[in-house]
Each structure stands twice: as structure tokens, then as C-alpha cells.
């Protein structure tokens, strides 16, 4: 069992320079990437719930869209 500990200690000693090169910026970059990923997912859920809410309100008649007015505005802005 002593030989096994020596092998593990040798691996740890060999890996120290590799881990020593890991800088504060790399760790902060990784952490900010994970944080932005979580914020992005939460934002996507909020936008999705808002879209479903608006579509539900439109289908129930709470929101009425005047498509002729929209068509006229788009055509006049293109011309």
C-alpha cells in the first residue's frame, strides 16, 4: 500500500506545475461562463412565458390586432 501512495504522490507532484499555470482569470472566465449560461436559460424561460401569455390573451380576445393597419404601415415604409 505504501507503493500506491508513492505513485499517487508522484502524480500529484507532476501535476503541480499544470495546476500552477491555471490563473485567476481562467477560473473567473469559467465561473462567468457558467453564470451567463444560467442567466440565459432563465431569460429564455421568461421570454417564452411572456410569449405564451400574449398568445393566450390574443386568442381569448383581450388583444385585437388590426392587420390592415399593420399591412398599410409596412407597405408605406417599404415604398
PDB file of N, CA and C in Angstrom:
ATOM      1  N   UNK A   1       0.818  -1.192   0.000  1.00  0.00           N
ATOM      2  CA  UNK A   1       0.000   0.000   0.000  1.00  0.00           C
ATOM      3  C   UNK A   1       0.866   1.261   0.000  1.00  0.00           C
ATOM      4  N   UNK A   2       2.048   1.166   0.509  1.00  0.00           N
ATOM      5  CA  UNK A   2       2.945   2.310   0.535  1.00  0.00           C
ATOM      6  C   UNK A   2       3.370   2.693  -0.877  1.00  0.00           C
ATOM      7  N   UNK A   3       3.566   1.688  -1.723  1.00  0.00           N
ATOM      8  CA  UNK A   3       3.941   1.970  -3.098  1.00  0.00           C
ATOM      9  C   UNK A   3       2.832   2.721  -3.827  1.00  0.00           C
ATOM     10  N   UNK A   4       1.579   2.383  -3.521  1.00  0.00           N
ATOM     11  CA  UNK A   4       0.453   3.060  -4.164  1.00  0.00           C
ATOM     12  C   UNK A   4       0.430   4.530  -3.763  1.00  0.00           C
ATOM     13  N   UNK A   5       0.669   4.809  -2.501  1.00  0.00           N
ATOM     14  CA  UNK A   5       0.704   6.197  -2.054  1.00  0.00           C
ATOM     15  C   UNK A   5       1.845   6.947  -2.720  1.00  0.00           C
ATOM     16  N   UNK A   6       2.972   6.291  -2.900  1.00  0.00           N
ATOM     17  CA  UNK A   6       4.097   6.929  -3.565  1.00  0.00           C
ATOM     18  C   UNK A   6       3.769   7.266  -5.015  1.00  0.00           C
ATOM     19  N   UNK A   7       3.044   6.378  -5.686  1.00  0.00           N
ATOM     20  CA  UNK A   7       2.647   6.633  -7.071  1.00  0.00           C
ATOM     21  C   UNK A   7       1.707   7.827  -7.131  1.00  0.00           C
ATOM     22  N   UNK A   8       0.751   7.875  -6.219  1.00  0.00           N
ATOM     23  CA  UNK A   8      -0.200   8.994  -6.192  1.00  0.00           C
ATOM     24  C   UNK A   8       0.525  10.296  -5.876  1.00  0.00           C
ATOM     25  N   UNK A   9       1.443  10.263  -4.950  1.00  0.00           N
ATOM     26  CA  UNK A   9       2.210  11.460  -4.618  1.00  0.00           C
ATOM     27  C   UNK A   9       3.057  11.910  -5.803  1.00  0.00           C
ATOM     28  N   UNK A  10       3.608  10.955  -6.548  1.00  0.00           N
ATOM     29  CA  UNK A  10       4.374  11.305  -7.743  1.00  0.00           C
ATOM     30  C   UNK A  10       3.487  11.984  -8.788  1.00  0.00           C
ATOM     31  N   UNK A  11       2.275  11.474  -8.962  1.00  0.00           N
ATOM     32  CA  UNK A  11       1.337  12.084  -9.928  1.00  0.00           C
ATOM     33  C   UNK A  11       0.973  13.492  -9.491  1.00  0.00           C
ATOM     34  N   UNK A  12       0.743  13.664  -8.193  1.00  0.00           N
ATOM     35  CA  UNK A  12       0.399  14.997  -7.683  1.00  0.00           C
ATOM     36  C   UNK A  12       1.566  15.958  -7.880  1.00  0.00           C
ATOM     37  N   UNK A  13       2.768  15.504  -7.634  1.00  0.00           N
ATOM     38  CA  UNK A  13       3.941  16.354  -7.810  1.00  0.00           C
ATOM     39  C   UNK A  13       4.122  16.740  -9.275  1.00  0.00           C
ATOM     40  N   UNK A  14       3.857  15.804 -10.182  1.00  0.00           N
ATOM     41  CA  UNK A  14       3.988  16.099 -11.613  1.00  0.00           C
ATOM     42  C   UNK A  14       2.898  17.050 -12.098  1.00  0.00           C
ATOM     43  N   UNK A  15       1.728  17.016 -11.458  1.00  0.00           N
ATOM     44  CA  UNK A  15       0.603  17.845 -11.896  1.00  0.00           C
ATOM     45  C   UNK A  15       0.644  19.250 -11.313  1.00  0.00           C
ATOM     46  N   UNK A  16       1.467  19.485 -10.295  1.00  0.00           N
ATOM     47  CA  UNK A  16       1.508  20.814  -9.671  1.00  0.00           C
ATOM     48  C   UNK A  16       1.824  21.938 -10.654  1.00  0.00           C
ATOM     49  N   UNK A  17       2.799  21.783 -11.547  1.00  0.00           N
ATOM     50  CA  UNK A  17       3.052  22.881 -12.492  1.00  0.00           C
ATOM     51  C   UNK A  17       1.860  23.157 -13.412  1.00  0.00           C
ATOM     52  N   UNK A  18       1.134  22.120 -13.766  1.00  0.00           N
ATOM     53  CA  UNK A  18      -0.029  22.303 -14.644  1.00  0.00           C
ATOM     54  C   UNK A  18      -1.084  23.120 -13.930  1.00  0.00           C
ATOM     55  N   UNK A  19      -1.369  22.752 -12.694  1.00  0.00           N
ATOM     56  CA  UNK A  19      -2.378  23.488 -11.939  1.00  0.00           C
ATOM     57  C   UNK A  19      -1.866  24.858 -11.524  1.00  0.00           C
ATOM     58  N   UNK A  20      -0.559  24.991 -11.413  1.00  0.00           N
ATOM     59  CA  UNK A  20       0.016  26.284 -11.073  1.00  0.00           C
ATOM     60  C   UNK A  20      -0.162  27.289 -12.191  1.00  0.00           C
ATOM     61  N   UNK A  21      -0.249  26.799 -13.419  1.00  0.00           N
ATOM     62  CA  UNK A  21      -0.429  27.696 -14.557  1.00  0.00           C
ATOM     63  C   UNK A  21      -1.869  28.178 -14.704  1.00  0.00           C
ATOM     64  N   UNK A  22      -2.787  27.522 -14.017  1.00  0.00           N
ATOM     65  CA  UNK A  22      -4.177  27.957 -14.091  1.00  0.00           C
ATOM     66  C   UNK A  22      -4.290  29.292 -13.355  1.00  0.00           C
ATOM     67  N   UNK A  23      -4.653  30.300 -14.057  1.00  0.00           N
ATOM     68  CA  UNK A  23      -4.653  31.642 -13.485  1.00  0.00           C
ATOM     69  C   UNK A  23      -6.011  32.010 -12.927  1.00  0.00           C
ATOM     70  N   UNK A  24      -5.997  33.088 -12.201  1.00  0.00           N
ATOM     71  CA  UNK A  24      -7.234  33.626 -11.644  1.00  0.00           C
ATOM     72  C   UNK A  24      -8.213  33.985 -12.757  1.00  0.00           C
ATOM     73  N   UNK A  25      -7.705  34.502 -13.853  1.00  0.00           N
ATOM     74  CA  UNK A  25      -8.560  34.882 -14.977  1.00  0.00           C
ATOM     75  C   UNK A  25      -9.260  33.689 -15.606  1.00  0.00           C
ATOM     76  N   UNK A  26      -8.567  32.574 -15.696  1.00  0.00           N
ATOM     77  CA  UNK A  26      -9.186  31.379 -16.262  1.00  0.00           C
ATOM     78  C   UNK A  26     -10.318  30.883 -15.377  1.00  0.00           C
ATOM     79  N   UNK A  27     -10.088  30.894 -14.093  1.00  0.00           N
ATOM     80  CA  UNK A  27     -11.130  30.454 -13.162  1.00  0.00           C
ATOM     81  C   UNK A  27     -12.319  31.409 -13.211  1.00  0.00           C
ATOM     82  N   UNK A  28     -12.050  32.713 -13.237  1.00  0.00           N
ATOM     83  CA  UNK A  28     -13.138  33.693 -13.306  1.00  0.00           C
ATOM     84  C   UNK A  28     -13.881  33.601 -14.638  1.00  0.00           C
ATOM     85  N   UNK A  29     -13.168  33.324 -15.717  1.00  0.00           N
ATOM     86  CA  UNK A  29     -13.813  33.154 -17.014  1.00  0.00           C
ATOM     87  C   UNK A  29     -14.740  31.956 -17.023  1.00  0.00           C
ATOM     88  N   UNK A  30     -14.293  30.878 -16.434  1.00  0.00           N
ATOM     89  CA  UNK A  30     -15.138  29.683 -16.344  1.00  0.00           C
ATOM     90  C   UNK A  30     -16.380  29.975 -15.510  1.00  0.00           C
ATOM     91  N   UNK A  31     -16.196  30.620 -14.362  1.00  0.00           N
ATOM     92  CA  UNK A  31     -17.330  30.922 -13.479  1.00  0.00           C
ATOM     93  C   UNK A  31     -18.315  31.878 -14.145  1.00  0.00           C
ATOM     94  N   UNK A  32     -17.806  32.888 -14.849  1.00  0.00           N
ATOM     95  CA  UNK A  32     -18.716  33.817 -15.514  1.00  0.00           C
ATOM     96  C   UNK A  32     -19.445  33.141 -16.666  1.00  0.00           C
ATOM     97  N   UNK A  33     -18.802  32.202 -17.332  1.00  0.00           N
ATOM     98  CA  UNK A  33     -19.481  31.453 -18.397  1.00  0.00           C
ATOM     99  C   UNK A  33     -20.632  30.629 -17.860  1.00  0.00           C
ATOM    100  N   UNK A  34     -20.414  29.962 -16.737  1.00  0.00           N
ATOM    101  CA  UNK A  34     -21.486  29.177 -16.115  1.00  0.00           C
ATOM    102  C   UNK A  34     -22.619  30.100 -15.666  1.00  0.00           C
ATOM    103  N   UNK A  35     -22.263  31.239 -15.069  1.00  0.00           N
ATOM    104  CA  UNK A  35     -23.291  32.178 -14.604  1.00  0.00           C
ATOM    105  C   UNK A  35     -24.114  32.713 -15.772  1.00  0.00           C
ATOM    106  N   UNK A  36     -23.455  33.081 -16.863  1.00  0.00           N
ATOM    107  CA  UNK A  36     -24.183  33.590 -18.029  1.00  0.00           C
ATOM    108  C   UNK A  36     -25.059  32.519 -18.658  1.00  0.00           C
ATOM    109  N   UNK A  37     -24.625  31.283 -18.594  1.00  0.00           N
ATOM    110  CA  UNK A  37     -25.442  30.187 -19.116  1.00  0.00           C
ATOM    111  C   UNK A  37     -26.738  30.068 -18.316  1.00  0.00           C
ATOM    112  N   UNK A  38     -26.635  30.162 -17.003  1.00  0.00           N
ATOM    113  CA  UNK A  38     -27.827  30.068 -16.157  1.00  0.00           C
ATOM    114  C   UNK A  38     -28.746  31.271 -16.352  1.00  0.00           C
ATOM    115  N   UNK A  39     -28.167  32.467 -16.480  1.00  0.00           N
ATOM    116  CA  UNK A  39     -28.970  33.674 -16.716  1.00  0.00           C
ATOM    117  C   UNK A  39     -29.661  33.576 -18.071  1.00  0.00           C
ATOM    118  N   UNK A  40     -28.960  33.073 -19.083  1.00  0.00           N
ATOM    119  CA  UNK A  40     -29.553  32.928 -20.416  1.00  0.00           C
ATOM    120  C   UNK A  40     -30.732  31.975 -20.421  1.00  0.00           C
ATOM    121  N   UNK A  41     -30.591  30.874 -19.698  1.00  0.00           N
ATOM    122  CA  UNK A  41     -31.706  29.924 -19.625  1.00  0.00           C
ATOM    123  C   UNK A  41     -32.902  30.537 -18.919  1.00  0.00           C
ATOM    124  N   UNK A  42     -32.649  31.261 -17.831  1.00  0.00           N
ATOM    125  CA  UNK A  42     -33.747  31.904 -17.104  1.00  0.00           C
ATOM    126  C   UNK A  42     -34.427  32.951 -17.974  1.00  0.00           C
ATOM    127  N   UNK A  43     -33.639  33.726 -18.712  1.00  0.00           N
ATOM    128  CA  UNK A  43     -34.200  34.738 -19.602  1.00  0.00           C
ATOM    129  C   UNK A  43     -35.034  34.100 -20.707  1.00  0.00           C
ATOM    130  N   UNK A  44     -34.582  32.976 -21.242  1.00  0.00           N
ATOM    131  CA  UNK A  44     -35.344  32.276 -22.277  1.00  0.00           C
ATOM    132  C   UNK A  44     -36.675  31.779 -21.733  1.00  0.00           C
ATOM    133  N   UNK A  45     -36.688  31.301 -20.503  1.00  0.00           N
ATOM    134  CA  UNK A  45     -37.940  30.848 -19.892  1.00  0.00           C
ATOM    135  C   UNK A  45     -38.894  32.024 -19.708  1.00  0.00           C
ATOM    136  N   UNK A  46     -38.375  33.153 -19.253  1.00  0.00           N
ATOM    137  CA  UNK A  46     -39.231  34.334 -19.028  1.00  0.00           C
ATOM    138  C   UNK A  46     -39.819  34.835 -20.347  1.00  0.00           C
ATOM    139  N   UNK A  47     -38.997  34.898 -21.390  1.00  0.00           N
ATOM    140  CA  UNK A  47     -39.490  35.339 -22.705  1.00  0.00           C
ATOM    141  C   UNK A  47     -40.530  34.356 -23.236  1.00  0.00           C
ATOM    142  N   UNK A  48     -40.293  33.074 -23.058  1.00  0.00           N
ATOM    143  CA  UNK A  48     -41.247  32.059 -23.512  1.00  0.00           C
ATOM    144  C   UNK A  48     -42.580  32.162 -22.792  1.00  0.00           C
ATOM    145  N   UNK A  49     -42.539  32.365 -21.484  1.00  0.00           N
ATOM    146  CA  UNK A  49     -43.785  32.515 -20.716  1.00  0.00           C
ATOM    147  C   UNK A  49     -44.531  33.768 -21.155  1.00  0.00           C
ATOM    148  N   UNK A  50     -43.784  34.845 -21.408  1.00  0.00           N
ATOM    149  CA  UNK A  50     -44.418  36.077 -21.895  1.00  0.00           C
ATOM    150  C   UNK A  50     -45.082  35.880 -23.249  1.00  0.00           C
ATOM    151  N   UNK A  51     -44.404  35.186 -24.148  1.00  0.00           N
ATOM    152  CA  UNK A  51     -44.961  34.932 -25.479  1.00  0.00           C
ATOM    153  C   UNK A  51     -46.231  34.098 -25.387  1.00  0.00           C
ATOM    154  N   UNK A  52     -46.186  33.041 -24.573  1.00  0.00           N
ATOM    155  CA  UNK A  52     -47.368  32.192 -24.411  1.00  0.00           C
ATOM    156  C   UNK A  52     -48.507  32.999 -23.797  1.00  0.00           C
ATOM    157  N   UNK A  53     -48.185  33.861 -22.836  1.00  0.00           N
ATOM    158  CA  UNK A  53     -49.216  34.697 -22.217  1.00  0.00           C
ATOM    159  C   UNK A  53     -49.860  35.640 -23.220  1.00  0.00           C
ATOM    160  N   UNK A  54     -49.042  36.271 -24.057  1.00  0.00           N
ATOM    161  CA  UNK A  54     -49.588  37.181 -25.069  1.00  0.00           C
ATOM    162  C   UNK A  54     -50.432  36.429 -26.097  1.00  0.00           C
ATOM    163  N   UNK A  55     -49.982  35.265 -26.519  1.00  0.00           N
ATOM    164  CA  UNK A  55     -50.753  34.482 -27.483  1.00  0.00           C
ATOM    165  C   UNK A  55     -52.081  34.023 -26.874  1.00  0.00           C
ATOM    166  N   UNK A  56     -52.049  33.658 -25.605  1.00  0.00           N
ATOM    167  CA  UNK A  56     -53.287  33.250 -24.940  1.00  0.00           C
ATOM    168  C   UNK A  56     -54.254  34.426 -24.837  1.00  0.00           C
ATOM    169  N   UNK A  57     -53.731  35.589 -24.464  1.00  0.00           N
ATOM    170  CA  UNK A  57     -54.592  36.780 -24.373  1.00  0.00           C
ATOM    171  C   UNK A  57     -55.169  37.146 -25.735  1.00  0.00           C
ATOM    172  N   UNK A  58     -54.378  37.003 -26.792  1.00  0.00           N
ATOM    173  CA  UNK A  58     -54.872  37.312 -28.140  1.00  0.00           C
ATOM    174  C   UNK A  58     -55.945  36.322 -28.567  1.00  0.00           C
ATOM    175  N   UNK A  59     -55.760  35.046 -28.237  1.00  0.00           N
ATOM    176  CA  UNK A  59     -56.754  34.063 -28.660  1.00  0.00           C
ATOM    177  C   UNK A  59     -58.044  34.172 -27.855  1.00  0.00           C
ATOM    178  N   UNK A  60     -57.964  34.719 -26.653  1.00  0.00           N
ATOM    179  CA  UNK A  60     -59.174  34.891 -25.832  1.00  0.00           C
ATOM    180  C   UNK A  60     -59.881  36.213 -26.119  1.00  0.00           C
ATOM    181  N   UNK A  61     -59.290  37.056 -26.984  1.00  0.00           N
ATOM    182  CA  UNK A  61     -59.943  38.280 -27.390  1.00  0.00           C
ATOM    183  C   UNK A  61     -59.549  39.503 -26.588  1.00  0.00           C
ATOM    184  N   UNK A  62     -58.607  39.385 -25.664  1.00  0.00           N
ATOM    185  CA  UNK A  62     -58.166  40.533 -24.883  1.00  0.00           C
ATOM    186  C   UNK A  62     -57.276  41.465 -25.698  1.00  0.00           C
ATOM    187  N   UNK A  63     -56.609  40.908 -26.684  1.00  0.00           N
ATOM    188  CA  UNK A  63     -55.743  41.686 -27.567  1.00  0.00           C
ATOM    189  C   UNK A  63     -56.273  41.518 -28.987  1.00  0.00           C
ATOM    190  N   UNK A  64     -56.570  42.634 -29.634  1.00  0.00           N
ATOM    191  CA  UNK A  64     -57.078  42.607 -31.001  1.00  0.00           C
ATOM    192  C   UNK A  64     -56.046  43.292 -31.890  1.00  0.00           C
ATOM    193  N   UNK A  65     -55.628  42.609 -32.938  1.00  0.00           N
ATOM    194  CA  UNK A  65     -54.608  43.130 -33.845  1.00  0.00           C
ATOM    195  C   UNK A  65     -55.299  43.607 -35.121  1.00  0.00           C
ATOM    196  N   UNK A  66     -55.038  44.849 -35.493  1.00  0.00           N
ATOM    197  CA  UNK A  66     -55.574  45.420 -36.728  1.00  0.00           C
ATOM    198  C   UNK A  66     -54.561  45.156 -37.838  1.00  0.00           C
ATOM    199  N   UNK A  67     -54.721  44.003 -38.522  1.00  0.00           N
ATOM    200  CA  UNK A  67     -53.755  43.577 -39.518  1.00  0.00           C
ATOM    201  C   UNK A  67     -53.737  44.498 -40.725  1.00  0.00           C
ATOM    202  N   UNK A  68     -54.857  45.129 -41.062  1.00  0.00           N
ATOM    203  CA  UNK A  68     -54.892  46.063 -42.201  1.00  0.00           C
ATOM    204  C   UNK A  68     -54.030  47.284 -41.906  1.00  0.00           C
ATOM    205  N   UNK A  69     -54.076  47.789 -40.690  1.00  0.00           N
ATOM    206  CA  UNK A  69     -53.254  48.937 -40.313  1.00  0.00           C
ATOM    207  C   UNK A  69     -51.770  48.555 -40.338  1.00  0.00           C
ATOM    208  N   UNK A  70     -51.446  47.361 -39.865  1.00  0.00           N
ATOM    209  CA  UNK A  70     -50.056  46.894 -39.889  1.00  0.00           C
ATOM    210  C   UNK A  70     -49.571  46.747 -41.326  1.00  0.00           C
ATOM    211  N   UNK A  71     -50.418  46.146 -42.190  1.00  0.00           N
ATOM    212  CA  UNK A  71     -50.049  45.980 -43.588  1.00  0.00           C
ATOM    213  C   UNK A  71     -49.815  47.334 -44.247  1.00  0.00           C
ATOM    214  N   UNK A  72     -50.677  48.289 -43.969  1.00  0.00           N
ATOM    215  CA  UNK A  72     -50.516  49.624 -44.541  1.00  0.00           C
ATOM    216  C   UNK A  72     -49.235  50.294 -44.083  1.00  0.00           C
ATOM    217  N   UNK A  73     -48.898  50.145 -42.805  1.00  0.00           N
ATOM    218  CA  UNK A  73     -47.655  50.743 -42.287  1.00  0.00           C
ATOM    219  C   UNK A  73     -46.433  50.100 -42.910  1.00  0.00           C
ATOM    220  N   UNK A  74     -46.460  48.784 -43.072  1.00  0.00           N
ATOM    221  CA  UNK A  74     -45.303  48.090 -43.646  1.00  0.00           C
ATOM    222  C   UNK A  74     -45.138  48.465 -45.111  1.00  0.00           C
ATOM    223  N   UNK A  75     -46.242  48.477 -45.841  1.00  0.00           N
ATOM    224  CA  UNK A  75     -46.160  48.809 -47.264  1.00  0.00           C
ATOM    225  C   UNK A  75     -45.682  50.235 -47.457  1.00  0.00           C
ATOM    226  N   UNK A  76     -46.151  51.160 -46.642  1.00  0.00           N
ATOM    227  CA  UNK A  76     -45.726  52.558 -46.801  1.00  0.00           C
ATOM    228  C   UNK A  76     -44.256  52.741 -46.405  1.00  0.00           C
ATOM    229  N   UNK A  77     -43.778  51.966 -45.429  1.00  0.00           N
ATOM    230  CA  UNK A  77     -42.367  52.109 -45.040  1.00  0.00           C
ATOM    231  C   UNK A  77     -41.436  51.468 -46.073  1.00  0.00           C
ATOM    232  N   UNK A  78     -41.906  50.454 -46.782  1.00  0.00           N
ATOM    233  CA  UNK A  78     -41.090  49.818 -47.817  1.00  0.00           C
ATOM    234  C   UNK A  78     -41.027  50.690 -49.065  1.00  0.00           C
ATOM    235  N   UNK A  79     -42.125  51.329 -49.411  1.00  0.00           N
ATOM    236  CA  UNK A  79     -42.173  52.157 -50.631  1.00  0.00           C
ATOM    237  C   UNK A  79     -41.437  53.432 -50.458  1.00  0.00           C
TER     238      UNK A  79
END
